[in-house]
Amino acid sequence: MDEREQQLIQLIRDGNRQAWGELIQIHQDRLYTSMVRVVGNTERARDVVQDTFIQAIEKFSRFDGKSQFFTWLYRIAFNRAMTLFRKDRGELSLDPLSSEERDDSLAGRQTPPEDGVMKRELVAEVQQALQQLSPEHRAVMELREIQQCEYEEIATILDISLGTVRSRLYRAREQLRRLLRDYFDQESNGNAGHTS
């Protein structure tokens, strides 16, 4: 937790409700991006994030400071997303996300312009494959691969055992490999025809 975030949390504890605005600003983009990946739908992710901040304000006295503030927020958001998912399983989108909603970090850093088309295709394939995972598996992948959380932190956020984290991560990676195998097979077959 950085110094400014600690100051804001202390201000809130001291009764300064205006500090919430800045604290929300610090975390809203990261939380929104994470929830888009978990729920697979931008509108639903927006609702989850909004509900999360409302709950965080209402339940702030429960934040004990033992974990990172984002960890605590993510847990609220994930629980909210799971509640919505269980309430109405049929509405979660399995459509790939639009280009504005994709996180290029899935396909690596800057690439030369000639690789742009391949990069966009790969990001689209990965996003589409991620949307076919269960929300629980997407959440574990998001926390480990995108947010770079340690296993113990993932267990805390999702309120599951360390063994369950490892198991879900293993299953999610295996499922992604299966889902992406056809894409990579096509790519390698296409590239094999272009060798000189």
C-alpha atoms as a PDB file:
ATOM      1  CA  MET A   1       0.000   0.000   0.000  1.00  0.00           C
ATOM      2  CA  ASP A   2       1.535   3.318  -0.981  1.00  0.00           C
ATOM      3  CA  GLU A   3       1.826   6.278   1.360  1.00  0.00           C
ATOM      4  CA  ARG A   4      -0.986   8.327  -0.222  1.00  0.00           C
ATOM      5  CA  GLU A   5      -3.379   5.396  -0.027  1.00  0.00           C
ATOM      6  CA  GLN A   6      -2.521   4.922   3.658  1.00  0.00           C
ATOM      7  CA  GLN A   7      -3.165   8.626   4.267  1.00  0.00           C
ATOM      8  CA  LEU A   8      -6.560   8.424   2.541  1.00  0.00           C
ATOM      9  CA  ILE A   9      -7.540   5.358   4.552  1.00  0.00           C
ATOM     10  CA  GLN A  10      -6.592   7.142   7.762  1.00  0.00           C
ATOM     11  CA  LEU A  11      -8.570  10.232   6.697  1.00  0.00           C
ATOM     12  CA  ILE A  12     -11.619   8.034   6.086  1.00  0.00           C
ATOM     13  CA  ARG A  13     -11.154   6.390   9.484  1.00  0.00           C
ATOM     14  CA  ASP A  14     -11.034   9.890  10.988  1.00  0.00           C
ATOM     15  CA  GLY A  15     -14.408  10.662   9.402  1.00  0.00           C
ATOM     16  CA  ASN A  16     -13.336  12.482   6.232  1.00  0.00           C
ATOM     17  CA  ARG A  17     -15.807  11.125   3.674  1.00  0.00           C
ATOM     18  CA  GLN A  18     -14.310  13.277   0.880  1.00  0.00           C
ATOM     19  CA  ALA A  19     -11.188  11.107   0.900  1.00  0.00           C
ATOM     20  CA  TRP A  20     -13.319   8.347  -0.624  1.00  0.00           C
ATOM     21  CA  GLY A  21     -13.343  10.136  -3.973  1.00  0.00           C
ATOM     22  CA  GLU A  22      -9.594   9.974  -4.352  1.00  0.00           C
ATOM     23  CA  LEU A  23      -9.357   6.416  -3.012  1.00  0.00           C
ATOM     24  CA  ILE A  24     -11.993   5.273  -5.502  1.00  0.00           C
ATOM     25  CA  GLN A  25     -10.135   7.050  -8.317  1.00  0.00           C
ATOM     26  CA  ILE A  26      -6.948   5.179  -7.449  1.00  0.00           C
ATOM     27  CA  HIS A  27      -8.607   1.780  -7.819  1.00  0.00           C
ATOM     28  CA  GLN A  28     -11.588   2.114 -10.149  1.00  0.00           C
ATOM     29  CA  ASP A  29      -9.827   1.486 -13.496  1.00  0.00           C
ATOM     30  CA  ARG A  30      -7.886  -1.531 -12.268  1.00  0.00           C
ATOM     31  CA  LEU A  31     -10.966  -3.015 -10.580  1.00  0.00           C
ATOM     32  CA  TYR A  32     -13.128  -2.378 -13.647  1.00  0.00           C
ATOM     33  CA  THR A  33     -10.609  -4.024 -15.982  1.00  0.00           C
ATOM     34  CA  SER A  34     -10.388  -6.997 -13.637  1.00  0.00           C
ATOM     35  CA  MET A  35     -14.164  -7.364 -13.460  1.00  0.00           C
ATOM     36  CA  VAL A  36     -14.564  -7.114 -17.237  1.00  0.00           C
ATOM     37  CA  ARG A  37     -12.314 -10.166 -17.449  1.00  0.00           C
ATOM     38  CA  VAL A  38     -14.210 -12.000 -14.723  1.00  0.00           C
ATOM     39  CA  VAL A  39     -17.773 -11.334 -15.900  1.00  0.00           C
ATOM     40  CA  GLY A  40     -17.040 -10.932 -19.616  1.00  0.00           C
ATOM     41  CA  ASN A  41     -19.433  -8.034 -20.043  1.00  0.00           C
ATOM     42  CA  THR A  42     -18.620  -4.333 -19.753  1.00  0.00           C
ATOM     43  CA  GLU A  43     -22.039  -3.251 -18.549  1.00  0.00           C
ATOM     44  CA  ARG A  44     -22.169  -5.918 -15.883  1.00  0.00           C
ATOM     45  CA  ALA A  45     -18.582  -5.096 -14.851  1.00  0.00           C
ATOM     46  CA  ARG A  46     -19.581  -1.440 -14.421  1.00  0.00           C
ATOM     47  CA  ASP A  47     -22.487  -2.487 -12.197  1.00  0.00           C
ATOM     48  CA  VAL A  48     -20.256  -4.782 -10.152  1.00  0.00           C
ATOM     49  CA  VAL A  49     -17.667  -2.048  -9.618  1.00  0.00           C
ATOM     50  CA  GLN A  50     -20.313   0.493  -8.644  1.00  0.00           C
ATOM     51  CA  ASP A  51     -21.894  -1.958  -6.185  1.00  0.00           C
ATOM     52  CA  THR A  52     -18.435  -2.791  -4.852  1.00  0.00           C
ATOM     53  CA  PHE A  53     -17.622   0.801  -3.991  1.00  0.00           C
ATOM     54  CA  ILE A  54     -21.024   1.263  -2.333  1.00  0.00           C
ATOM     55  CA  GLN A  55     -20.447  -1.880  -0.246  1.00  0.00           C
ATOM     56  CA  ALA A  56     -16.885  -0.808   0.538  1.00  0.00           C
ATOM     57  CA  ILE A  57     -18.126   2.517   1.890  1.00  0.00           C
ATOM     58  CA  GLU A  58     -20.827   0.787   3.941  1.00  0.00           C
ATOM     59  CA  LYS A  59     -18.472  -1.920   5.263  1.00  0.00           C
ATOM     60  CA  PHE A  60     -15.313   0.146   5.615  1.00  0.00           C
ATOM     61  CA  SER A  61     -15.143  -0.492   9.362  1.00  0.00           C
ATOM     62  CA  ARG A  62     -14.479  -4.159   8.509  1.00  0.00           C
ATOM     63  CA  PHE A  63     -11.291  -3.331   6.603  1.00  0.00           C
ATOM     64  CA  ASP A  64      -8.597  -4.261   9.123  1.00  0.00           C
ATOM     65  CA  GLY A  65      -5.580  -3.249   7.031  1.00  0.00           C
ATOM     66  CA  LYS A  66      -4.034  -6.737   7.170  1.00  0.00           C
ATOM     67  CA  SER A  67      -4.352  -7.051   3.395  1.00  0.00           C
ATOM     68  CA  GLN A  68      -3.904  -4.523   0.617  1.00  0.00           C
ATOM     69  CA  PHE A  69      -6.928  -2.280   0.124  1.00  0.00           C
ATOM     70  CA  PHE A  70      -7.221  -3.462  -3.503  1.00  0.00           C
ATOM     71  CA  THR A  71      -7.248  -7.081  -2.276  1.00  0.00           C
ATOM     72  CA  TRP A  72     -10.164  -6.267   0.009  1.00  0.00           C
ATOM     73  CA  LEU A  73     -11.996  -4.429  -2.807  1.00  0.00           C
ATOM     74  CA  TYR A  74     -11.398  -7.238  -5.272  1.00  0.00           C
ATOM     75  CA  ARG A  75     -12.865  -9.751  -2.851  1.00  0.00           C
ATOM     76  CA  ILE A  76     -16.041  -7.679  -2.490  1.00  0.00           C
ATOM     77  CA  ALA A  77     -16.234  -7.298  -6.287  1.00  0.00           C
ATOM     78  CA  PHE A  78     -15.652 -10.974  -6.946  1.00  0.00           C
ATOM     79  CA  ASN A  79     -18.320 -11.988  -4.429  1.00  0.00           C
ATOM     80  CA  ARG A  80     -20.740  -9.539  -6.043  1.00  0.00           C
ATOM     81  CA  ALA A  81     -19.932 -10.920  -9.499  1.00  0.00           C
ATOM     82  CA  MET A  82     -20.518 -14.487  -8.279  1.00  0.00           C
ATOM     83  CA  THR A  83     -23.848 -13.486  -6.731  1.00  0.00           C
ATOM     84  CA  LEU A  84     -24.968 -11.999 -10.042  1.00  0.00           C
ATOM     85  CA  PHE A  85     -23.664 -15.027 -11.931  1.00  0.00           C
ATOM     86  CA  ARG A  86     -25.575 -17.462  -9.738  1.00  0.00           C
ATOM     87  CA  LYS A  87     -28.683 -15.294  -9.870  1.00  0.00           C
ATOM     88  CA  ASP A  88     -28.795 -15.263 -13.635  1.00  0.00           C
ATOM     89  CA  ARG A  89     -26.302 -17.643 -15.252  1.00  0.00           C
ATOM     90  CA  GLY A  90     -27.631 -17.145 -18.771  1.00  0.00           C
ATOM     91  CA  GLU A  91     -26.785 -13.465 -19.118  1.00  0.00           C
ATOM     92  CA  LEU A  92     -22.994 -13.546 -18.892  1.00  0.00           C
ATOM     93  CA  SER A  93     -21.635 -12.806 -22.339  1.00  0.00           C
ATOM     94  CA  LEU A  94     -19.392 -15.322 -24.027  1.00  0.00           C
ATOM     95  CA  ASP A  95     -18.718 -12.907 -26.878  1.00  0.00           C
ATOM     96  CA  PRO A  96     -15.148 -11.695 -27.274  1.00  0.00           C
ATOM     97  CA  LEU A  97     -14.560  -8.209 -25.929  1.00  0.00           C
ATOM     98  CA  SER A  98     -14.291  -5.247 -28.249  1.00  0.00           C
ATOM     99  CA  SER A  99     -10.854  -3.930 -29.085  1.00  0.00           C
ATOM    100  CA  GLU A 100     -11.199  -1.043 -26.619  1.00  0.00           C
ATOM    101  CA  GLU A 101     -11.870  -3.497 -23.798  1.00  0.00           C
ATOM    102  CA  ARG A 102      -8.969  -5.827 -24.480  1.00  0.00           C
ATOM    103  CA  ASP A 103      -5.916  -5.644 -22.307  1.00  0.00           C
ATOM    104  CA  ASP A 104      -2.862  -5.770 -24.539  1.00  0.00           C
ATOM    105  CA  SER A 105      -0.813  -7.072 -21.625  1.00  0.00           C
ATOM    106  CA  LEU A 106      -2.173 -10.531 -22.481  1.00  0.00           C
ATOM    107  CA  ALA A 107      -0.210 -10.473 -25.708  1.00  0.00           C
ATOM    108  CA  GLY A 108       2.910  -8.772 -24.387  1.00  0.00           C
ATOM    109  CA  ARG A 109       4.396  -5.330 -24.795  1.00  0.00           C
ATOM    110  CA  GLN A 110       4.882  -3.168 -27.898  1.00  0.00           C
ATOM    111  CA  THR A 111       5.179  -5.074 -31.145  1.00  0.00           C
ATOM    112  CA  PRO A 112       6.372  -3.899 -34.558  1.00  0.00           C
ATOM    113  CA  PRO A 113       3.588  -2.580 -36.832  1.00  0.00           C
ATOM    114  CA  GLU A 114       3.782  -5.626 -39.107  1.00  0.00           C
ATOM    115  CA  ASP A 115       2.946  -7.819 -36.121  1.00  0.00           C
ATOM    116  CA  GLY A 116      -0.119  -5.736 -35.214  1.00  0.00           C
ATOM    117  CA  VAL A 117      -2.643  -7.934 -37.012  1.00  0.00           C
ATOM    118  CA  MET A 118      -1.241 -11.115 -35.478  1.00  0.00           C
ATOM    119  CA  LYS A 119      -1.184  -9.509 -32.039  1.00  0.00           C
ATOM    120  CA  ARG A 120      -4.819  -8.394 -32.334  1.00  0.00           C
ATOM    121  CA  GLU A 121      -5.804 -11.868 -33.496  1.00  0.00           C
ATOM    122  CA  LEU A 122      -3.975 -13.476 -30.582  1.00  0.00           C
ATOM    123  CA  VAL A 123      -5.515 -11.102 -28.028  1.00  0.00           C
ATOM    124  CA  ALA A 124      -8.972 -11.798 -29.492  1.00  0.00           C
ATOM    125  CA  GLU A 125      -8.376 -15.563 -29.323  1.00  0.00           C
ATOM    126  CA  VAL A 126      -7.133 -15.391 -25.744  1.00  0.00           C
ATOM    127  CA  GLN A 127     -10.054 -13.174 -24.690  1.00  0.00           C
ATOM    128  CA  GLN A 128     -12.531 -15.480 -26.369  1.00  0.00           C
ATOM    129  CA  ALA A 129     -10.938 -18.509 -24.688  1.00  0.00           C
ATOM    130  CA  LEU A 130     -10.969 -16.772 -21.285  1.00  0.00           C
ATOM    131  CA  GLN A 131     -14.685 -16.088 -21.642  1.00  0.00           C
ATOM    132  CA  GLN A 132     -15.292 -19.807 -21.998  1.00  0.00           C
ATOM    133  CA  LEU A 133     -13.820 -20.474 -18.548  1.00  0.00           C
ATOM    134  CA  SER A 134     -16.056 -20.435 -15.492  1.00  0.00           C
ATOM    135  CA  PRO A 135     -16.013 -17.152 -13.541  1.00  0.00           C
ATOM    136  CA  GLU A 136     -14.092 -18.900 -10.753  1.00  0.00           C
ATOM    137  CA  HIS A 137     -11.385 -20.009 -13.175  1.00  0.00           C
ATOM    138  CA  ARG A 138     -11.304 -16.603 -14.912  1.00  0.00           C
ATOM    139  CA  ALA A 139     -10.844 -14.919 -11.537  1.00  0.00           C
ATOM    140  CA  VAL A 140      -7.882 -17.135 -10.622  1.00  0.00           C
ATOM    141  CA  MET A 141      -6.271 -16.537 -14.021  1.00  0.00           C
ATOM    142  CA  GLU A 142      -6.898 -12.786 -13.772  1.00  0.00           C
ATOM    143  CA  LEU A 143      -5.366 -12.555 -10.305  1.00  0.00           C
ATOM    144  CA  ARG A 144      -2.330 -14.708 -11.069  1.00  0.00           C
ATOM    145  CA  GLU A 145      -1.498 -13.929 -14.688  1.00  0.00           C
ATOM    146  CA  ILE A 146      -2.674 -10.329 -15.023  1.00  0.00           C
ATOM    147  CA  GLN A 147      -2.555  -8.903 -11.496  1.00  0.00           C
ATOM    148  CA  GLN A 148       0.550 -10.998 -10.640  1.00  0.00           C
ATOM    149  CA  CYS A 149      -0.846 -11.889  -7.194  1.00  0.00           C
ATOM    150  CA  GLU A 150       0.871 -14.510  -5.075  1.00  0.00           C
ATOM    151  CA  TYR A 151      -1.017 -17.744  -4.406  1.00  0.00           C
ATOM    152  CA  GLU A 152      -1.596 -16.808  -0.750  1.00  0.00           C
ATOM    153  CA  GLU A 153      -3.089 -13.456  -1.768  1.00  0.00           C
ATOM    154  CA  ILE A 154      -5.401 -15.149  -4.280  1.00  0.00           C
ATOM    155  CA  ALA A 155      -6.564 -17.523  -1.542  1.00  0.00           C
ATOM    156  CA  THR A 156      -7.318 -14.548   0.696  1.00  0.00           C
ATOM    157  CA  ILE A 157      -9.125 -12.575  -1.995  1.00  0.00           C
ATOM    158  CA  LEU A 158     -11.299 -15.470  -3.124  1.00  0.00           C
ATOM    159  CA  ASP A 159     -11.659 -16.964   0.361  1.00  0.00           C
ATOM    160  CA  ILE A 160     -10.502 -20.385  -0.777  1.00  0.00           C
ATOM    161  CA  SER A 161      -7.701 -22.690   0.298  1.00  0.00           C
ATOM    162  CA  LEU A 162      -4.234 -22.609  -1.224  1.00  0.00           C
ATOM    163  CA  GLY A 163      -4.866 -26.062  -2.664  1.00  0.00           C
ATOM    164  CA  THR A 164      -8.026 -24.825  -4.367  1.00  0.00           C
ATOM    165  CA  VAL A 165      -6.095 -21.899  -5.863  1.00  0.00           C
ATOM    166  CA  ARG A 166      -3.517 -24.285  -7.327  1.00  0.00           C
ATOM    167  CA  SER A 167      -6.178 -26.690  -8.544  1.00  0.00           C
ATOM    168  CA  ARG A 168      -8.273 -23.976 -10.225  1.00  0.00           C
ATOM    169  CA  LEU A 169      -5.212 -22.395 -11.787  1.00  0.00           C
ATOM    170  CA  TYR A 170      -4.061 -25.743 -13.150  1.00  0.00           C
ATOM    171  CA  ARG A 171      -7.511 -26.521 -14.580  1.00  0.00           C
ATOM    172  CA  ALA A 172      -7.870 -23.020 -16.033  1.00  0.00           C
ATOM    173  CA  ARG A 173      -4.480 -23.229 -17.759  1.00  0.00           C
ATOM    174  CA  GLU A 174      -5.250 -26.704 -19.118  1.00  0.00           C
ATOM    175  CA  GLN A 175      -8.599 -25.542 -20.448  1.00  0.00           C
ATOM    176  CA  LEU A 176      -6.994 -22.483 -22.054  1.00  0.00           C
ATOM    177  CA  ARG A 177      -4.361 -24.680 -23.707  1.00  0.00           C
ATOM    178  CA  ARG A 178      -7.093 -26.892 -25.156  1.00  0.00           C
ATOM    179  CA  LEU A 179      -9.123 -23.898 -26.317  1.00  0.00           C
ATOM    180  CA  LEU A 180      -6.113 -22.216 -27.933  1.00  0.00           C
ATOM    181  CA  ARG A 181      -4.575 -25.375 -29.422  1.00  0.00           C
ATOM    182  CA  ASP A 182      -6.532 -25.060 -32.689  1.00  0.00           C
ATOM    183  CA  TYR A 183      -5.472 -21.431 -33.100  1.00  0.00           C
ATOM    184  CA  PHE A 184      -1.787 -22.214 -32.589  1.00  0.00           C
ATOM    185  CA  ASP A 185      -2.001 -25.307 -34.806  1.00  0.00           C
ATOM    186  CA  GLN A 186      -3.443 -23.138 -37.600  1.00  0.00           C
ATOM    187  CA  GLU A 187      -0.726 -20.531 -37.057  1.00  0.00           C
ATOM    188  CA  SER A 188       2.095 -23.071 -37.168  1.00  0.00           C
ATOM    189  CA  ASN A 189       0.609 -24.771 -40.251  1.00  0.00           C
ATOM    190  CA  GLY A 190       0.216 -21.382 -41.952  1.00  0.00           C
ATOM    191  CA  ASN A 191       3.781 -20.372 -41.065  1.00  0.00           C
ATOM    192  CA  ALA A 192       5.162 -23.721 -42.239  1.00  0.00           C
ATOM    193  CA  GLY A 193       3.929 -22.936 -45.752  1.00  0.00           C
ATOM    194  CA  HIS A 194       5.797 -19.597 -45.705  1.00  0.00           C
ATOM    195  CA  THR A 195       9.270 -20.910 -44.922  1.00  0.00           C
ATOM    196  CA  SER A 196      11.931 -20.132 -47.504  1.00  0.00           C
END
